Protein backbone atom coordinates (compact mmCIF):
# COMPACT_ATOMS: atom_id res chain seq x y z
CA MET A 1 -23.95 37.82 -18.93
CA SER A 2 -21.31 36.77 -16.40
CA ARG A 3 -19.87 33.27 -16.54
CA ALA A 4 -20.57 30.93 -13.63
CA ALA A 5 -17.62 30.37 -11.32
CA PRO A 6 -16.03 26.93 -11.79
CA ARG A 7 -16.75 24.31 -9.20
CA ALA A 8 -13.83 23.89 -6.81
CA VAL A 9 -12.61 20.88 -4.84
CA HIS A 10 -9.81 20.95 -2.29
CA PHE A 11 -7.83 17.71 -2.82
CA VAL A 12 -5.70 16.75 0.22
CA MET A 13 -3.02 14.17 -0.60
CA PRO A 14 0.18 12.62 0.76
CA GLY A 15 3.32 14.62 0.08
CA ALA A 16 4.71 11.81 -2.08
CA VAL A 17 2.07 12.50 -4.71
CA ALA A 18 4.03 15.61 -5.67
CA ASP A 19 7.09 13.47 -6.47
CA PRO A 20 6.80 11.74 -9.87
CA ALA A 21 9.74 9.55 -8.86
CA ALA A 22 7.64 8.02 -6.05
CA PRO A 23 5.59 5.47 -7.98
CA SER A 24 2.60 3.76 -6.43
CA GLY A 25 -0.88 3.07 -7.66
CA GLY A 26 -2.35 5.59 -5.25
CA ASN A 27 0.08 8.33 -6.22
CA VAL A 28 -0.47 7.75 -9.93
CA TYR A 29 -4.24 7.82 -9.40
CA ASP A 30 -4.12 11.07 -7.40
CA ARG A 31 -1.87 12.80 -9.93
CA ARG A 32 -4.14 11.74 -12.77
CA ILE A 33 -7.22 13.08 -10.98
CA CYS A 34 -5.48 16.43 -10.46
CA ARG A 35 -4.68 16.56 -14.16
CA ASP A 36 -7.97 15.34 -15.62
CA LEU A 37 -10.72 16.50 -13.23
CA PRO A 38 -10.64 20.10 -14.54
CA GLY A 39 -11.88 18.72 -17.85
CA THR A 40 -15.18 17.93 -16.11
CA GLY A 41 -15.62 21.51 -14.89
CA TRP A 42 -14.00 21.15 -11.47
CA ARG A 43 -11.10 23.37 -10.43
CA VAL A 44 -8.69 21.40 -8.23
CA GLU A 45 -7.00 23.13 -5.31
CA GLU A 46 -4.12 20.79 -4.46
CA HIS A 47 -2.87 20.36 -0.89
CA THR A 48 0.00 17.91 -0.37
CA VAL A 49 0.94 17.12 3.21
CA ALA A 50 4.29 15.44 3.87
CA GLY A 51 4.28 12.76 6.56
CA ASP A 52 4.67 9.11 7.44
CA TRP A 53 1.11 8.17 6.55
CA PRO A 54 -1.15 6.73 7.88
CA ARG A 55 0.68 7.28 11.20
CA PRO A 56 2.21 10.75 10.85
CA GLY A 57 4.22 12.74 13.34
CA PRO A 58 3.12 15.95 15.08
CA ALA A 59 4.24 18.28 12.28
CA ALA A 60 2.21 16.41 9.65
CA ARG A 61 -0.87 16.28 11.89
CA ALA A 62 -0.58 20.01 12.52
CA GLU A 63 -0.30 20.71 8.79
CA LEU A 64 -3.38 18.61 8.01
CA SER A 65 -5.28 20.43 10.73
CA ARG A 66 -4.18 23.78 9.28
CA VAL A 67 -5.40 22.78 5.80
CA LEU A 68 -8.80 21.67 7.09
CA THR A 69 -9.45 24.58 9.44
CA GLY A 70 -8.29 27.05 6.80
CA THR A 71 -10.79 25.82 4.22
CA ALA A 72 -13.96 27.90 3.83
CA ASP A 73 -17.29 26.73 5.22
CA GLY A 74 -19.25 24.56 2.80
CA ALA A 75 -16.26 23.79 0.57
CA VAL A 76 -16.03 20.43 -1.19
CA VAL A 77 -12.97 18.60 0.12
CA LEU A 78 -11.59 15.32 -1.23
CA LEU A 79 -9.24 13.61 1.23
CA ASP A 80 -6.92 10.78 0.26
CA GLY A 81 -7.69 8.02 2.75
CA LEU A 82 -4.03 7.40 3.49
CA VAL A 83 -3.84 10.93 4.91
CA ALA A 84 -7.19 11.26 6.61
CA ALA A 85 -8.72 7.91 7.50
CA ALA A 86 -6.68 7.24 10.65
CA LEU A 87 -7.18 10.75 12.06
CA PRO A 88 -10.86 11.08 12.97
CA HIS A 89 -10.00 13.55 15.73
CA LEU A 90 -9.00 16.00 12.96
CA VAL A 91 -11.58 15.10 10.30
CA VAL A 92 -14.76 14.51 12.29
CA PRO A 93 -14.92 18.03 13.85
CA GLN A 94 -14.68 19.55 10.36
CA ALA A 95 -17.26 17.24 8.77
CA GLN A 96 -20.16 19.43 9.87
CA ARG A 97 -19.03 22.66 8.24
CA LEU A 98 -17.32 21.23 5.14
CA ARG A 99 -18.51 18.90 2.40
CA PRO A 100 -15.87 16.18 2.75
CA ALA A 101 -15.34 12.97 0.81
CA VAL A 102 -12.64 10.37 1.42
CA LEU A 103 -10.91 8.53 -1.44
CA VAL A 104 -9.93 5.03 -0.24
CA HIS A 105 -7.19 3.28 -2.19
CA LEU A 106 -6.87 0.43 0.36
CA PRO A 107 -8.68 -0.09 3.68
CA LEU A 108 -5.99 0.67 6.25
CA GLY A 109 -6.43 -2.54 8.21
CA ASP A 110 -6.06 -4.65 5.06
CA GLU A 111 -2.36 -3.94 4.68
CA THR A 112 -0.48 -7.24 4.90
CA GLY A 113 2.00 -7.79 7.72
CA LEU A 114 0.45 -5.47 10.29
CA ASP A 115 0.38 -6.48 13.93
CA PRO A 116 -3.22 -7.64 14.58
CA GLY A 117 -3.67 -5.04 17.28
CA LEU A 118 -2.52 -2.24 15.01
CA ALA A 119 -4.71 -3.50 12.16
CA ALA A 120 -7.75 -3.47 14.45
CA GLU A 121 -6.88 0.03 15.68
CA LEU A 122 -6.50 1.39 12.15
CA GLN A 123 -9.76 -0.24 11.09
CA ALA A 124 -11.62 1.34 14.01
CA LEU A 125 -10.15 4.79 13.33
CA GLU A 126 -10.97 4.51 9.64
CA GLY A 127 -14.55 3.54 10.44
CA ARG A 128 -15.05 6.64 12.60
CA THR A 129 -13.69 8.86 9.84
CA LEU A 130 -15.67 7.32 6.98
CA ARG A 131 -18.94 7.29 8.89
CA SER A 132 -18.56 11.03 9.56
CA VAL A 133 -18.10 12.19 5.98
CA ARG A 134 -20.75 12.71 3.36
CA ALA A 135 -19.21 10.55 0.64
CA VAL A 136 -16.64 7.79 0.22
CA VAL A 137 -14.98 7.03 -3.12
CA ALA A 138 -13.64 3.51 -3.72
CA THR A 139 -11.43 2.39 -6.58
CA SER A 140 -13.39 -0.77 -7.46
CA ALA A 141 -16.85 -2.21 -6.98
CA TRP A 142 -15.30 -4.88 -4.76
CA ALA A 143 -13.69 -2.22 -2.55
CA ALA A 144 -16.99 -0.33 -2.27
CA GLY A 145 -18.73 -3.45 -0.99
CA ARG A 146 -15.84 -4.17 1.36
CA LEU A 147 -16.06 -0.70 2.92
CA VAL A 148 -19.84 -0.89 3.32
CA GLU A 149 -19.54 -4.24 5.09
CA LEU A 150 -16.46 -3.33 7.12
CA HIS A 151 -17.67 0.00 8.48
CA GLY A 152 -21.46 -0.14 8.22
CA LEU A 153 -21.58 2.65 5.63
CA VAL A 154 -24.73 3.70 3.79
CA PRO A 155 -24.31 2.14 0.31
CA ASP A 156 -25.69 5.20 -1.49
CA ARG A 157 -22.84 7.28 -0.07
CA VAL A 158 -20.11 4.99 -1.41
CA HIS A 159 -19.13 5.72 -5.01
CA VAL A 160 -16.90 3.81 -7.42
CA ALA A 161 -14.26 5.50 -9.59
CA ALA A 162 -12.05 2.67 -10.85
CA PRO A 163 -8.66 3.55 -12.36
CA GLY A 164 -8.58 3.97 -16.11
CA ALA A 165 -6.01 2.74 -18.61
CA ASP A 166 -4.10 4.42 -21.40
CA ILE A 167 -3.91 2.18 -24.46
CA ALA A 168 -0.25 1.69 -25.37
CA PRO A 169 1.57 -0.01 -28.25
CA PRO A 170 1.32 -3.81 -28.00
CA ALA A 171 4.21 -5.68 -26.45
CA SER A 172 6.18 -8.12 -28.59
CA PRO A 173 5.79 -11.70 -27.28
CA GLY A 174 9.00 -13.70 -27.14
CA GLY A 175 7.42 -16.98 -28.18
CA ASP A 176 8.26 -19.14 -25.16
CA GLY A 177 6.53 -16.84 -22.64
CA SER A 178 9.62 -16.81 -20.45
CA ARG A 179 9.92 -13.04 -19.85
CA LEU A 180 7.93 -12.42 -16.68
CA LEU A 181 7.33 -8.99 -15.17
CA CYS A 182 6.11 -8.02 -11.69
CA VAL A 183 5.27 -4.33 -11.15
CA ALA A 184 4.70 -3.71 -7.46
CA SER A 185 6.35 -2.21 -4.41
CA VAL A 186 8.46 -4.87 -2.69
CA THR A 187 6.29 -5.30 0.41
CA PRO A 188 4.57 -8.25 2.14
CA ARG A 189 1.20 -7.40 0.59
CA LYS A 190 2.54 -7.78 -2.94
CA GLY A 191 3.80 -11.32 -2.32
CA GLN A 192 7.16 -11.36 -4.11
CA LEU A 193 8.44 -13.96 -1.63
CA ARG A 194 5.84 -16.51 -2.62
CA LEU A 195 6.31 -15.64 -6.29
CA VAL A 196 10.03 -16.42 -6.16
CA GLU A 197 9.35 -19.56 -4.11
CA ALA A 198 6.93 -20.74 -6.80
CA LEU A 199 9.33 -20.00 -9.64
CA ALA A 200 12.20 -21.75 -7.85
CA GLN A 201 10.18 -24.97 -8.06
CA ILE A 202 10.11 -24.87 -11.87
CA ARG A 203 13.75 -24.24 -12.65
CA ASP A 204 13.47 -26.97 -15.30
CA LEU A 205 11.59 -24.48 -17.49
CA PRO A 206 13.02 -21.32 -19.08
CA TRP A 207 11.97 -18.13 -17.32
CA SER A 208 13.27 -14.79 -16.08
CA LEU A 209 11.61 -12.36 -13.70
CA ASP A 210 12.02 -8.59 -13.55
CA CYS A 211 10.63 -7.05 -10.36
CA VAL A 212 9.93 -3.35 -10.87
CA GLY A 213 8.99 -1.29 -7.84
CA PRO A 214 10.40 0.54 -4.81
CA LEU A 215 12.74 -1.55 -2.64
CA ASP A 216 12.76 0.72 0.41
CA ARG A 217 9.14 0.52 1.61
CA ASP A 218 9.93 -2.48 3.85
CA PRO A 219 13.70 -3.05 4.08
CA ASP A 220 13.30 -6.20 6.18
CA TYR A 221 11.05 -7.79 3.56
CA THR A 222 13.40 -6.77 0.76
CA GLY A 223 16.28 -8.34 2.67
CA ARG A 224 14.35 -11.59 3.09
CA LEU A 225 13.58 -11.58 -0.64
CA ARG A 226 17.25 -11.13 -1.55
CA GLU A 227 18.19 -13.95 0.83
CA LEU A 228 15.59 -16.25 -0.77
CA ILE A 229 16.84 -15.46 -4.26
CA GLY A 230 20.37 -16.38 -3.23
CA ARG A 231 19.39 -19.48 -1.26
CA THR A 232 17.27 -20.95 -4.07
CA GLY A 233 19.91 -20.31 -6.71
CA VAL A 234 17.81 -18.11 -8.99
CA GLY A 235 19.97 -15.02 -8.79
CA ASP A 236 20.74 -15.27 -12.50
CA ARG A 237 17.01 -15.22 -13.32
CA VAL A 238 15.50 -12.67 -10.92
CA ARG A 239 16.31 -8.98 -11.11
CA LEU A 240 15.16 -6.45 -8.49
CA LEU A 241 15.19 -3.30 -10.59
CA GLY A 242 13.74 -0.76 -8.19
CA PRO A 243 11.22 1.88 -9.27
CA ARG A 244 10.71 2.71 -12.92
CA THR A 245 8.57 5.48 -14.40
CA GLY A 246 7.97 6.94 -17.83
CA ALA A 247 10.05 5.47 -20.63
CA GLY A 248 11.81 3.05 -18.29
CA LEU A 249 8.53 1.50 -17.18
CA ASP A 250 7.24 1.44 -20.76
CA ALA A 251 10.35 -0.47 -21.82
CA GLY A 252 9.78 -3.03 -19.07
CA TYR A 253 6.25 -3.69 -20.27
CA ALA A 254 7.32 -3.76 -23.93
CA ALA A 255 9.77 -6.59 -23.21
CA ALA A 256 7.36 -8.70 -21.12
CA ASP A 257 5.48 -11.83 -22.12
CA ALA A 258 3.28 -11.90 -19.01
CA LEU A 259 2.62 -9.85 -15.89
CA VAL A 260 2.66 -11.81 -12.64
CA LEU A 261 1.11 -10.47 -9.44
CA ALA A 262 1.10 -12.61 -6.30
CA SER A 263 -0.62 -10.12 -3.98
CA TYR A 264 -2.39 -11.00 -0.75
CA ALA A 265 -4.68 -7.95 -0.97
CA GLU A 266 -5.57 -5.48 -3.74
CA THR A 267 -8.48 -3.10 -4.11
CA TYR A 268 -7.96 -3.09 -7.88
CA GLY A 269 -4.43 -3.61 -9.21
CA MET A 270 -3.46 -0.86 -11.65
CA ALA A 271 -0.50 -2.87 -12.96
CA VAL A 272 -3.04 -5.36 -14.30
CA THR A 273 -4.72 -2.87 -16.61
CA GLU A 274 -1.37 -1.27 -17.51
CA ALA A 275 -0.30 -4.70 -18.79
CA LEU A 276 -3.58 -5.42 -20.56
CA ALA A 277 -3.38 -2.00 -22.24
CA ARG A 278 -0.35 -3.45 -24.04
CA GLY A 279 -1.94 -6.84 -24.79
CA ILE A 280 0.08 -8.60 -22.07
CA PRO A 281 -1.66 -11.54 -20.34
CA VAL A 282 -1.87 -11.52 -16.55
CA LEU A 283 -1.19 -14.27 -14.01
CA ALA A 284 -2.53 -12.97 -10.70
CA THR A 285 -3.95 -14.08 -7.39
CA ALA A 286 -7.72 -13.59 -7.36
CA VAL A 287 -7.80 -11.19 -4.42
CA GLY A 288 -9.99 -8.13 -3.89
CA GLY A 289 -10.63 -6.18 -7.04
CA VAL A 290 -8.08 -8.02 -9.21
CA PRO A 291 -10.70 -10.17 -11.04
CA GLU A 292 -12.57 -6.92 -11.76
CA ALA A 293 -9.42 -5.37 -13.25
CA VAL A 294 -8.60 -8.46 -15.32
CA GLY A 295 -12.16 -8.60 -16.63
CA GLN A 296 -13.05 -10.40 -19.83
CA ALA A 297 -12.41 -9.84 -23.50
CA PRO A 298 -15.47 -8.92 -25.61
CA GLY A 299 -15.84 -12.58 -26.58
CA GLY A 300 -16.01 -13.63 -22.92
CA ARG A 301 -12.49 -15.02 -22.62
CA THR A 302 -10.39 -14.17 -19.56
CA PRO A 303 -7.07 -12.57 -20.59
CA GLY A 304 -5.00 -14.39 -18.00
CA LEU A 305 -5.00 -16.92 -15.19
CA LEU A 306 -6.65 -16.04 -11.88
CA ILE A 307 -5.00 -18.01 -9.09
CA ASP A 308 -6.52 -19.20 -5.81
CA PRO A 309 -4.59 -17.23 -3.16
CA ASP A 310 -5.30 -19.86 -0.49
CA ASP A 311 -3.91 -22.83 -2.44
CA PRO A 312 -0.14 -23.07 -1.82
CA GLY A 313 0.45 -24.96 -5.05
CA ALA A 314 -1.80 -22.95 -7.33
CA LEU A 315 0.75 -20.28 -8.22
CA THR A 316 3.39 -22.83 -9.20
CA ALA A 317 0.82 -24.79 -11.23
CA ALA A 318 -0.31 -21.66 -13.09
CA LEU A 319 3.26 -20.65 -13.89
CA ARG A 320 4.08 -24.16 -15.12
CA ARG A 321 0.94 -24.15 -17.29
CA TRP A 322 1.85 -20.76 -18.80
CA LEU A 323 5.46 -21.69 -19.47
CA GLY A 324 4.85 -25.26 -20.57
CA ASP A 325 1.76 -25.02 -22.78
CA PRO A 326 2.09 -23.02 -26.04
CA GLY A 327 -1.65 -23.34 -26.64
CA THR A 328 -2.44 -21.67 -23.33
CA ARG A 329 -0.05 -18.83 -24.14
CA ARG A 330 -1.63 -18.27 -27.55
CA ARG A 331 -5.17 -18.24 -26.16
CA LEU A 332 -4.39 -15.91 -23.28
CA THR A 333 -2.37 -13.55 -25.44
CA ALA A 334 -5.19 -13.34 -27.99
CA ALA A 335 -7.69 -12.62 -25.20
CA ALA A 336 -5.38 -9.94 -23.78
CA HIS A 337 -5.24 -8.19 -27.15
CA GLU A 338 -9.05 -8.27 -27.32
CA ARG A 339 -9.32 -6.92 -23.78
CA ARG A 340 -6.83 -4.16 -24.62
CA THR A 341 -9.26 -2.42 -26.97
CA ALA A 342 -12.17 -2.66 -24.51
CA LEU A 343 -10.53 -1.12 -21.42
CA ALA A 344 -12.16 1.94 -19.88
CA GLY A 345 -10.07 5.10 -20.05
CA TRP A 346 -9.30 7.65 -17.36
CA GLU A 347 -12.11 9.84 -18.66
CA ASN A 348 -14.47 7.26 -17.18
CA THR A 349 -12.68 7.57 -13.83
CA THR A 350 -12.92 11.35 -13.72
CA ARG A 351 -16.53 11.32 -14.90
CA ASN A 352 -17.51 8.98 -12.06
CA LEU A 353 -15.58 10.99 -9.49
CA ALA A 354 -17.04 14.26 -10.77
CA GLY A 355 -20.51 12.77 -10.40
CA ALA A 356 -19.83 11.96 -6.75
CA LEU A 357 -18.51 15.48 -6.14
CA ASP A 358 -21.52 17.04 -7.91
CA GLN A 359 -23.85 15.10 -5.63
CA LEU A 360 -21.85 16.24 -2.63
CA ARG A 361 -21.88 19.86 -3.76
CA HIS A 362 -25.66 19.98 -3.99
CA GLU A 363 -26.32 18.46 -0.57
CA PRO A 364 -27.81 20.90 1.95
CA ARG A 365 -25.45 22.19 4.61
CA ARG A 366 -25.50 20.20 7.82
CA ALA A 367 -26.62 21.91 10.97
CA ALA A 368 -23.74 22.65 13.35
């Protein structure tokens, strides 16, 4: 008796996914899916397309078009939203003959710092693309609801495959909670400017901040951050370390007392669960899917402080509470250790994504 052919999905991703030295939540997610999805019975055909996404040049657009037109009729295709969502003129014509799904890490118009006109344009383009495909995969329940509301999508066609977490050895608290870590690209959306501004107001307390993440995504913003650090006199406390991966990133987490994330927008926040997987409490703005990522310990306690993003003083107050109240630190650290053992793993992510692809695979072909 012959064995059934494995199910195949063509996964179209940004070129940076192929570079392990290019850390971002989206890249880590995509690489993990490529590695783990075969365990669910799906063979992954990887297609990485280099370009300045989501607004690529002619060569990148031509390469994406070549990948799509060269894929066999009826094939299941998973498109990273950064590559595909702003190019409906390439995706929509292929949506009839293929079985496409789009994986959305962040709605394009939600990126912080965009010109309002450009944000509206990207949102409109994304809506045309997502409404044309058979399935959309979001990385949190919050993001799924956001996409349904934003683009008028059919809820049954929007699936959730939240990032998983790998349980790691617990970090070693320093006692005074002063070792703060921020893991995020230095960009307006991640809010390092307001984080440093908040910390500069509590120089009477002991603290240090290590910022881990690429410094070249927005050079103007990075320059403003360096200027602020110098002007507020905290240069001896704040280190901009650039990207870290592997053992270097593990060492950063191992030395941290708390993760701080001052983002203006997040669909999930993978750094949150990376910290909790080590029993590290989280101080984060309650935006998007961050509360979902923080979650609760089995006993119902929140393993961190969720901060009102619209209250200018809330971040400073939360940092002062963390640094100045040993009882708060003990409670949050205990809750983080409880949450650590209850986190969902990446097998849950791939199982949910495989379910969405299975549903897509069994849909009848659309009429041309």
